[in-house]
Structures are given as structure tokens and as C-alpha cells.
N, C-alpha and C. Protein backbone atom coordinates (compact mmCIF):
# COMPACT_ATOMS: atom_id res chain seq x y z
N MET A 1 -6.37 -11.63 -12.77
CA MET A 1 -6.13 -12.58 -11.70
C MET A 1 -4.64 -12.65 -11.34
N ILE A 2 -3.79 -12.67 -12.35
CA ILE A 2 -2.35 -12.75 -12.09
C ILE A 2 -1.87 -11.50 -11.36
N ASN A 3 -2.43 -10.34 -11.71
CA ASN A 3 -2.07 -9.10 -11.02
C ASN A 3 -2.40 -9.19 -9.53
N ASN A 4 -3.55 -9.77 -9.20
CA ASN A 4 -3.96 -9.90 -7.80
C ASN A 4 -3.00 -10.79 -7.02
N ILE A 5 -2.55 -11.86 -7.65
CA ILE A 5 -1.59 -12.76 -7.00
C ILE A 5 -0.25 -12.07 -6.81
N ILE A 6 0.20 -11.36 -7.83
CA ILE A 6 1.47 -10.64 -7.74
C ILE A 6 1.40 -9.59 -6.62
N VAL A 7 0.30 -8.86 -6.54
CA VAL A 7 0.14 -7.85 -5.50
C VAL A 7 0.12 -8.51 -4.12
N ALA A 8 -0.57 -9.64 -3.98
CA ALA A 8 -0.64 -10.33 -2.69
C ALA A 8 0.75 -10.79 -2.24
N VAL A 9 1.52 -11.36 -3.14
CA VAL A 9 2.88 -11.80 -2.80
C VAL A 9 3.74 -10.59 -2.42
N PHE A 10 3.64 -9.53 -3.21
CA PHE A 10 4.40 -8.31 -2.92
C PHE A 10 4.04 -7.75 -1.55
N LEU A 11 2.75 -7.68 -1.25
CA LEU A 11 2.32 -7.15 0.05
C LEU A 11 2.77 -8.06 1.20
N ALA A 12 2.77 -9.36 0.97
CA ALA A 12 3.25 -10.28 2.01
C ALA A 12 4.73 -10.04 2.30
N LEU A 13 5.51 -9.86 1.25
CA LEU A 13 6.94 -9.58 1.44
C LEU A 13 7.15 -8.22 2.13
N CYS A 14 6.40 -7.22 1.70
CA CYS A 14 6.49 -5.90 2.33
C CYS A 14 6.10 -5.96 3.79
N THR A 15 5.07 -6.74 4.11
CA THR A 15 4.63 -6.89 5.48
C THR A 15 5.74 -7.49 6.34
N TYR A 16 6.39 -8.52 5.81
CA TYR A 16 7.49 -9.15 6.54
C TYR A 16 8.57 -8.11 6.89
N PHE A 17 9.00 -7.36 5.89
CA PHE A 17 10.07 -6.39 6.12
C PHE A 17 9.60 -5.23 7.00
N ASP A 18 8.36 -4.81 6.84
CA ASP A 18 7.84 -3.68 7.63
C ASP A 18 7.76 -4.06 9.11
N ILE A 19 7.32 -5.27 9.39
CA ILE A 19 7.25 -5.72 10.78
C ILE A 19 8.65 -5.93 11.35
N LYS A 20 9.52 -6.54 10.56
CA LYS A 20 10.86 -6.89 11.03
C LYS A 20 11.75 -5.66 11.23
N SER A 21 11.75 -4.75 10.25
CA SER A 21 12.72 -3.66 10.31
C SER A 21 12.12 -2.27 10.13
N LYS A 22 10.81 -2.17 9.96
CA LYS A 22 10.10 -0.89 9.78
C LYS A 22 10.50 -0.16 8.49
N TRP A 23 11.01 -0.88 7.52
CA TRP A 23 11.28 -0.31 6.20
C TRP A 23 11.15 -1.40 5.15
N ILE A 24 10.97 -0.98 3.90
CA ILE A 24 10.79 -1.90 2.79
C ILE A 24 11.99 -1.74 1.86
N PRO A 25 12.66 -2.85 1.52
CA PRO A 25 13.84 -2.75 0.66
C PRO A 25 13.52 -2.12 -0.70
N LEU A 26 14.37 -1.20 -1.10
CA LEU A 26 14.19 -0.52 -2.39
C LEU A 26 14.23 -1.53 -3.54
N LYS A 27 15.05 -2.55 -3.44
CA LYS A 27 15.13 -3.57 -4.50
C LYS A 27 13.80 -4.26 -4.71
N LEU A 28 13.08 -4.52 -3.63
CA LEU A 28 11.77 -5.16 -3.71
C LEU A 28 10.77 -4.25 -4.41
N ILE A 29 10.78 -2.98 -4.05
CA ILE A 29 9.87 -2.01 -4.66
C ILE A 29 10.17 -1.85 -6.15
N VAL A 30 11.45 -1.76 -6.49
CA VAL A 30 11.84 -1.61 -7.90
C VAL A 30 11.44 -2.85 -8.70
N LEU A 31 11.69 -4.03 -8.14
CA LEU A 31 11.32 -5.27 -8.84
C LEU A 31 9.82 -5.33 -9.10
N PHE A 32 9.03 -5.05 -8.07
CA PHE A 32 7.58 -5.06 -8.24
C PHE A 32 7.15 -4.01 -9.26
N GLY A 33 7.74 -2.82 -9.17
CA GLY A 33 7.41 -1.76 -10.12
C GLY A 33 7.69 -2.16 -11.56
N LEU A 34 8.83 -2.79 -11.79
CA LEU A 34 9.18 -3.23 -13.15
C LEU A 34 8.21 -4.30 -13.64
N VAL A 35 7.84 -5.23 -12.76
CA VAL A 35 6.90 -6.28 -13.14
C VAL A 35 5.55 -5.67 -13.51
N ILE A 36 5.05 -4.77 -12.69
CA ILE A 36 3.74 -4.16 -12.93
C ILE A 36 3.77 -3.28 -14.19
N ILE A 37 4.83 -2.51 -14.37
CA ILE A 37 4.94 -1.69 -15.58
C ILE A 37 4.99 -2.58 -16.82
N GLY A 38 5.72 -3.68 -16.72
CA GLY A 38 5.77 -4.63 -17.84
C GLY A 38 4.39 -5.19 -18.17
N ILE A 39 3.63 -5.53 -17.12
CA ILE A 39 2.28 -6.05 -17.34
C ILE A 39 1.39 -4.98 -17.97
N CYS A 40 1.52 -3.73 -17.52
CA CYS A 40 0.72 -2.63 -18.10
C CYS A 40 1.03 -2.45 -19.58
N PHE A 41 2.31 -2.46 -19.93
CA PHE A 41 2.68 -2.30 -21.34
C PHE A 41 2.22 -3.48 -22.18
N LYS A 42 2.35 -4.67 -21.64
CA LYS A 42 1.95 -5.87 -22.38
C LYS A 42 0.44 -5.90 -22.62
N SER A 43 -0.32 -5.41 -21.64
CA SER A 43 -1.78 -5.43 -21.79
C SER A 43 -2.30 -4.24 -22.61
N GLY A 44 -1.41 -3.34 -23.01
CA GLY A 44 -1.84 -2.18 -23.79
C GLY A 44 -2.44 -1.10 -22.92
N ASP A 45 -2.25 -1.20 -21.62
CA ASP A 45 -2.84 -0.27 -20.67
C ASP A 45 -2.01 1.00 -20.52
N SER A 46 -0.84 1.04 -21.12
CA SER A 46 0.10 2.12 -20.85
C SER A 46 -0.31 3.46 -21.44
N ALA A 47 -1.13 3.48 -22.48
CA ALA A 47 -1.51 4.74 -23.11
C ALA A 47 -2.83 5.27 -22.56
N ASN A 48 -3.34 4.65 -21.56
CA ASN A 48 -4.65 4.97 -21.03
C ASN A 48 -4.56 6.04 -19.95
N TRP A 49 -5.41 7.08 -20.02
CA TRP A 49 -5.43 8.13 -19.01
C TRP A 49 -5.90 7.61 -17.66
N GLU A 50 -6.51 6.46 -17.67
CA GLU A 50 -6.97 5.87 -16.41
C GLU A 50 -5.80 5.57 -15.48
N ILE A 51 -4.63 5.33 -16.03
CA ILE A 51 -3.45 5.07 -15.20
C ILE A 51 -3.19 6.25 -14.28
N LEU A 52 -3.29 7.45 -14.79
CA LEU A 52 -3.07 8.64 -13.97
C LEU A 52 -4.04 8.69 -12.80
N ILE A 53 -5.28 8.35 -13.05
CA ILE A 53 -6.30 8.34 -11.99
C ILE A 53 -5.98 7.26 -10.97
N ARG A 54 -5.54 6.09 -11.43
CA ARG A 54 -5.27 4.97 -10.54
C ARG A 54 -4.07 5.21 -9.63
N ILE A 55 -3.13 6.03 -10.04
CA ILE A 55 -1.96 6.28 -9.19
C ILE A 55 -2.14 7.49 -8.28
N MET A 56 -3.23 8.22 -8.44
CA MET A 56 -3.46 9.42 -7.63
C MET A 56 -3.50 9.15 -6.12
N PRO A 57 -4.13 8.06 -5.63
CA PRO A 57 -4.08 7.81 -4.18
C PRO A 57 -2.64 7.66 -3.67
N GLY A 58 -1.80 6.99 -4.42
CA GLY A 58 -0.40 6.85 -4.03
C GLY A 58 0.33 8.17 -4.01
N ILE A 59 0.08 9.00 -5.02
CA ILE A 59 0.70 10.33 -5.07
C ILE A 59 0.22 11.17 -3.88
N PHE A 60 -1.07 11.08 -3.59
CA PHE A 60 -1.63 11.81 -2.44
C PHE A 60 -0.95 11.39 -1.14
N LEU A 61 -0.75 10.08 -0.94
CA LEU A 61 -0.09 9.61 0.28
C LEU A 61 1.38 10.02 0.33
N LEU A 62 2.03 10.09 -0.82
CA LEU A 62 3.41 10.59 -0.85
C LEU A 62 3.46 12.06 -0.44
N LEU A 63 2.49 12.83 -0.88
CA LEU A 63 2.42 14.24 -0.46
C LEU A 63 2.17 14.35 1.04
N ILE A 64 1.29 13.52 1.56
CA ILE A 64 1.04 13.51 3.01
C ILE A 64 2.31 13.14 3.76
N ALA A 65 3.05 12.16 3.26
CA ALA A 65 4.31 11.76 3.90
C ALA A 65 5.28 12.93 3.93
N PHE A 66 5.34 13.68 2.85
CA PHE A 66 6.25 14.83 2.77
C PHE A 66 5.84 15.93 3.74
N VAL A 67 4.55 16.26 3.73
CA VAL A 67 4.05 17.37 4.54
C VAL A 67 4.12 17.04 6.03
N THR A 68 3.88 15.80 6.41
CA THR A 68 3.82 15.42 7.83
C THR A 68 5.12 14.83 8.34
N ASN A 69 6.20 14.98 7.60
CA ASN A 69 7.49 14.42 8.00
C ASN A 69 7.38 12.92 8.26
N GLN A 70 6.72 12.24 7.35
CA GLN A 70 6.54 10.79 7.32
C GLN A 70 5.67 10.24 8.44
N ALA A 71 4.55 10.91 8.75
CA ALA A 71 3.57 10.30 9.64
C ALA A 71 3.08 9.00 9.01
N ILE A 72 2.94 9.02 7.72
CA ILE A 72 2.80 7.80 6.93
C ILE A 72 4.05 7.77 6.06
N GLY A 73 4.65 6.61 5.94
CA GLY A 73 5.96 6.54 5.28
C GLY A 73 5.90 6.68 3.77
N TYR A 74 7.03 7.07 3.21
CA TYR A 74 7.14 7.15 1.75
C TYR A 74 6.93 5.78 1.11
N GLY A 75 7.43 4.74 1.77
CA GLY A 75 7.27 3.38 1.24
C GLY A 75 5.81 3.01 1.08
N ASP A 76 4.98 3.40 2.04
CA ASP A 76 3.55 3.11 1.95
C ASP A 76 2.93 3.78 0.73
N GLY A 77 3.29 5.04 0.51
CA GLY A 77 2.77 5.77 -0.65
C GLY A 77 3.23 5.16 -1.96
N ILE A 78 4.49 4.77 -2.03
CA ILE A 78 5.02 4.16 -3.25
C ILE A 78 4.34 2.83 -3.51
N VAL A 79 4.16 2.03 -2.47
CA VAL A 79 3.50 0.73 -2.63
C VAL A 79 2.08 0.93 -3.15
N ILE A 80 1.34 1.87 -2.60
CA ILE A 80 -0.03 2.12 -3.04
C ILE A 80 -0.04 2.66 -4.47
N LEU A 81 0.91 3.49 -4.80
CA LEU A 81 1.02 4.00 -6.17
C LEU A 81 1.22 2.83 -7.14
N LEU A 82 2.11 1.91 -6.82
CA LEU A 82 2.37 0.77 -7.70
C LEU A 82 1.17 -0.17 -7.77
N ILE A 83 0.48 -0.35 -6.66
CA ILE A 83 -0.72 -1.20 -6.68
C ILE A 83 -1.79 -0.55 -7.55
N GLY A 84 -1.83 0.77 -7.57
CA GLY A 84 -2.75 1.48 -8.46
C GLY A 84 -2.49 1.15 -9.92
N LEU A 85 -1.23 0.93 -10.27
CA LEU A 85 -0.92 0.52 -11.64
C LEU A 85 -1.46 -0.87 -11.95
N ALA A 86 -1.53 -1.71 -10.93
CA ALA A 86 -1.87 -3.12 -11.12
C ALA A 86 -3.37 -3.39 -11.14
N THR A 87 -4.17 -2.43 -10.69
CA THR A 87 -5.59 -2.71 -10.53
C THR A 87 -6.42 -1.47 -10.88
N ASP A 88 -7.72 -1.55 -10.65
CA ASP A 88 -8.57 -0.40 -10.99
C ASP A 88 -8.76 0.52 -9.78
N ILE A 89 -9.23 1.73 -10.05
CA ILE A 89 -9.33 2.76 -9.03
C ILE A 89 -10.30 2.39 -7.91
N HIS A 90 -11.39 1.72 -8.23
CA HIS A 90 -12.36 1.35 -7.20
C HIS A 90 -11.74 0.39 -6.19
N LEU A 91 -10.97 -0.57 -6.68
CA LEU A 91 -10.32 -1.52 -5.79
C LEU A 91 -9.26 -0.82 -4.95
N VAL A 92 -8.51 0.09 -5.55
CA VAL A 92 -7.47 0.81 -4.82
C VAL A 92 -8.08 1.63 -3.67
N ILE A 93 -9.13 2.34 -3.96
CA ILE A 93 -9.76 3.18 -2.93
C ILE A 93 -10.38 2.32 -1.83
N THR A 94 -11.08 1.25 -2.21
CA THR A 94 -11.67 0.35 -1.23
C THR A 94 -10.60 -0.26 -0.35
N PHE A 95 -9.54 -0.71 -0.98
CA PHE A 95 -8.42 -1.35 -0.30
C PHE A 95 -7.76 -0.38 0.70
N ILE A 96 -7.55 0.85 0.31
CA ILE A 96 -6.93 1.84 1.20
C ILE A 96 -7.87 2.18 2.36
N LEU A 97 -9.15 2.35 2.07
CA LEU A 97 -10.10 2.67 3.14
C LEU A 97 -10.18 1.55 4.18
N ILE A 98 -10.20 0.31 3.72
CA ILE A 98 -10.22 -0.83 4.66
C ILE A 98 -8.94 -0.84 5.49
N ALA A 99 -7.80 -0.61 4.86
CA ALA A 99 -6.53 -0.60 5.59
C ALA A 99 -6.51 0.50 6.65
N PHE A 100 -6.99 1.69 6.30
CA PHE A 100 -7.02 2.78 7.28
C PHE A 100 -8.00 2.48 8.41
N LEU A 101 -9.14 1.88 8.09
CA LEU A 101 -10.11 1.51 9.11
C LEU A 101 -9.51 0.49 10.08
N LEU A 102 -8.86 -0.54 9.55
CA LEU A 102 -8.23 -1.55 10.40
C LEU A 102 -7.13 -0.93 11.27
N SER A 103 -6.34 -0.07 10.67
CA SER A 103 -5.27 0.61 11.39
C SER A 103 -5.84 1.48 12.52
N ALA A 104 -6.91 2.18 12.25
CA ALA A 104 -7.55 3.02 13.27
C ALA A 104 -8.09 2.17 14.41
N MET A 105 -8.70 1.05 14.08
CA MET A 105 -9.25 0.17 15.12
C MET A 105 -8.14 -0.36 16.02
N VAL A 106 -7.04 -0.80 15.43
CA VAL A 106 -5.92 -1.31 16.23
C VAL A 106 -5.31 -0.18 17.06
N SER A 107 -5.18 1.00 16.47
CA SER A 107 -4.62 2.14 17.20
C SER A 107 -5.48 2.50 18.41
N ILE A 108 -6.79 2.50 18.23
CA ILE A 108 -7.69 2.80 19.35
C ILE A 108 -7.55 1.74 20.44
N PHE A 109 -7.46 0.49 20.04
CA PHE A 109 -7.28 -0.58 21.01
C PHE A 109 -5.98 -0.40 21.79
N ILE A 110 -4.91 -0.06 21.09
CA ILE A 110 -3.61 0.14 21.74
C ILE A 110 -3.68 1.30 22.73
N LEU A 111 -4.34 2.38 22.35
CA LEU A 111 -4.48 3.53 23.25
C LEU A 111 -5.32 3.19 24.48
N ILE A 112 -6.45 2.54 24.25
CA ILE A 112 -7.35 2.21 25.36
C ILE A 112 -6.71 1.21 26.32
N SER A 113 -5.99 0.24 25.77
CA SER A 113 -5.39 -0.79 26.61
C SER A 113 -4.14 -0.30 27.34
N GLY A 114 -3.64 0.88 26.96
CA GLY A 114 -2.46 1.42 27.61
C GLY A 114 -1.15 0.82 27.13
N LYS A 115 -1.19 0.08 26.03
CA LYS A 115 0.02 -0.56 25.51
C LYS A 115 0.83 0.37 24.61
N GLY A 116 0.35 1.58 24.43
CA GLY A 116 1.04 2.56 23.61
C GLY A 116 0.45 3.94 23.84
N ASN A 117 1.01 4.91 23.14
CA ASN A 117 0.48 6.27 23.24
C ASN A 117 0.37 6.85 21.84
N ARG A 118 0.10 8.14 21.76
CA ARG A 118 -0.09 8.79 20.46
C ARG A 118 1.17 8.75 19.59
N GLN A 119 2.32 8.57 20.21
CA GLN A 119 3.59 8.53 19.47
C GLN A 119 3.96 7.13 19.00
N THR A 120 3.19 6.12 19.41
CA THR A 120 3.48 4.74 19.02
C THR A 120 3.30 4.60 17.51
N ARG A 121 4.32 4.05 16.86
CA ARG A 121 4.27 3.88 15.41
C ARG A 121 3.98 2.42 15.08
N LEU A 122 3.02 2.23 14.18
CA LEU A 122 2.65 0.88 13.75
C LEU A 122 3.07 0.68 12.30
N PRO A 123 3.53 -0.51 11.96
CA PRO A 123 3.78 -0.79 10.54
C PRO A 123 2.44 -0.82 9.81
N PHE A 124 2.39 -0.21 8.63
CA PHE A 124 1.12 -0.11 7.89
C PHE A 124 0.93 -1.26 6.91
N MET A 125 2.01 -1.89 6.48
CA MET A 125 1.90 -2.96 5.48
C MET A 125 1.01 -4.12 5.92
N PRO A 126 1.05 -4.55 7.19
CA PRO A 126 0.12 -5.64 7.57
C PRO A 126 -1.34 -5.28 7.33
N PHE A 127 -1.69 -4.02 7.55
CA PHE A 127 -3.07 -3.58 7.32
C PHE A 127 -3.39 -3.58 5.82
N LEU A 128 -2.40 -3.20 5.01
CA LEU A 128 -2.61 -3.24 3.56
C LEU A 128 -2.80 -4.68 3.08
N LEU A 129 -2.00 -5.61 3.61
CA LEU A 129 -2.12 -7.01 3.22
C LEU A 129 -3.49 -7.57 3.61
N ILE A 130 -3.92 -7.32 4.83
CA ILE A 130 -5.24 -7.80 5.27
C ILE A 130 -6.34 -7.17 4.42
N ALA A 131 -6.23 -5.88 4.15
CA ALA A 131 -7.24 -5.19 3.33
C ALA A 131 -7.28 -5.78 1.92
N TRP A 132 -6.11 -6.11 1.37
CA TRP A 132 -6.07 -6.69 0.03
C TRP A 132 -6.78 -8.03 0.01
N CYS A 133 -6.54 -8.85 1.03
CA CYS A 133 -7.20 -10.16 1.12
C CYS A 133 -8.71 -10.00 1.26
N VAL A 134 -9.14 -9.02 2.06
CA VAL A 134 -10.58 -8.76 2.23
C VAL A 134 -11.20 -8.35 0.89
N CYS A 135 -10.51 -7.49 0.15
CA CYS A 135 -11.03 -7.03 -1.14
C CYS A 135 -11.12 -8.17 -2.16
N LEU A 136 -10.22 -9.11 -2.09
CA LEU A 136 -10.24 -10.22 -3.05
C LEU A 136 -11.35 -11.22 -2.73
N ILE A 137 -11.77 -11.24 -1.48
CA ILE A 137 -12.86 -12.15 -1.10
C ILE A 137 -14.14 -11.52 -1.53
């Protein structure tokens, strides 16, 4: 339960910065990472091979960011990687799929309404925050 609250607060802060400036402060990411790593070690989760599986979606998104010259940002991949440390793989995958679905729906609306084009960049953190809230319900 505490992990879910920590993730929600972290995503809310990331959403604020992503909307405001289109980037997430490194200090915020490092702080969250240290907190989550501390929780993993305290819970005895650190020696578990499941951790590697849980961070794979984040690693995959980091690779996509590298290959596509940041079509999805490095910050998004790092955030998802850290959230993978905080929760189980099923929640991470569900959460990412919901975020991508929401993002696609908004993108289609923007294209159809003529308020943007294929080059329009949207902050992804708001979709992650909404997806996290949906998953917790």
C-alpha cells in the first residue's frame, strides 16, 4: 500500500514538471529511485530474480527512446523502470497499456480536431498518472 502511495505522489510530481517544462528533474528521479531501492532492500526483495522481470518494460522503453531519437523520452522509460521496482509485473504491464491507450485516444482526438499534427508532442506523464489511478481502483 505504501508503495502505491509513493508511486502516485511521484507520478503527480512528474506530471507537473512534464506539463510545465516537458522534462522531469533528475533530482526527483534519483530521490524516488533511492526510496524505492531502499524499500526493496528492506522488504528482502532485492535478491529476487523477479526484479529483473519487473524492470524489463522500463528497459524496453529506454531502448525505444534510444532507437527512435526520443519519440518516447528517456525520462518516461526511467520512471517506468523505477515503478517496476515498486510493484509487480502484472500491474506494470496493465498500467503501461492503459497509459498508451489513453495517449492514443487523445492523439487521435487532436489529429481529428485539427488542433495538432503528427509532429505534435504530448507529455506522457499525465497518462501514466491517470493509468496508475485507474489500476489502483
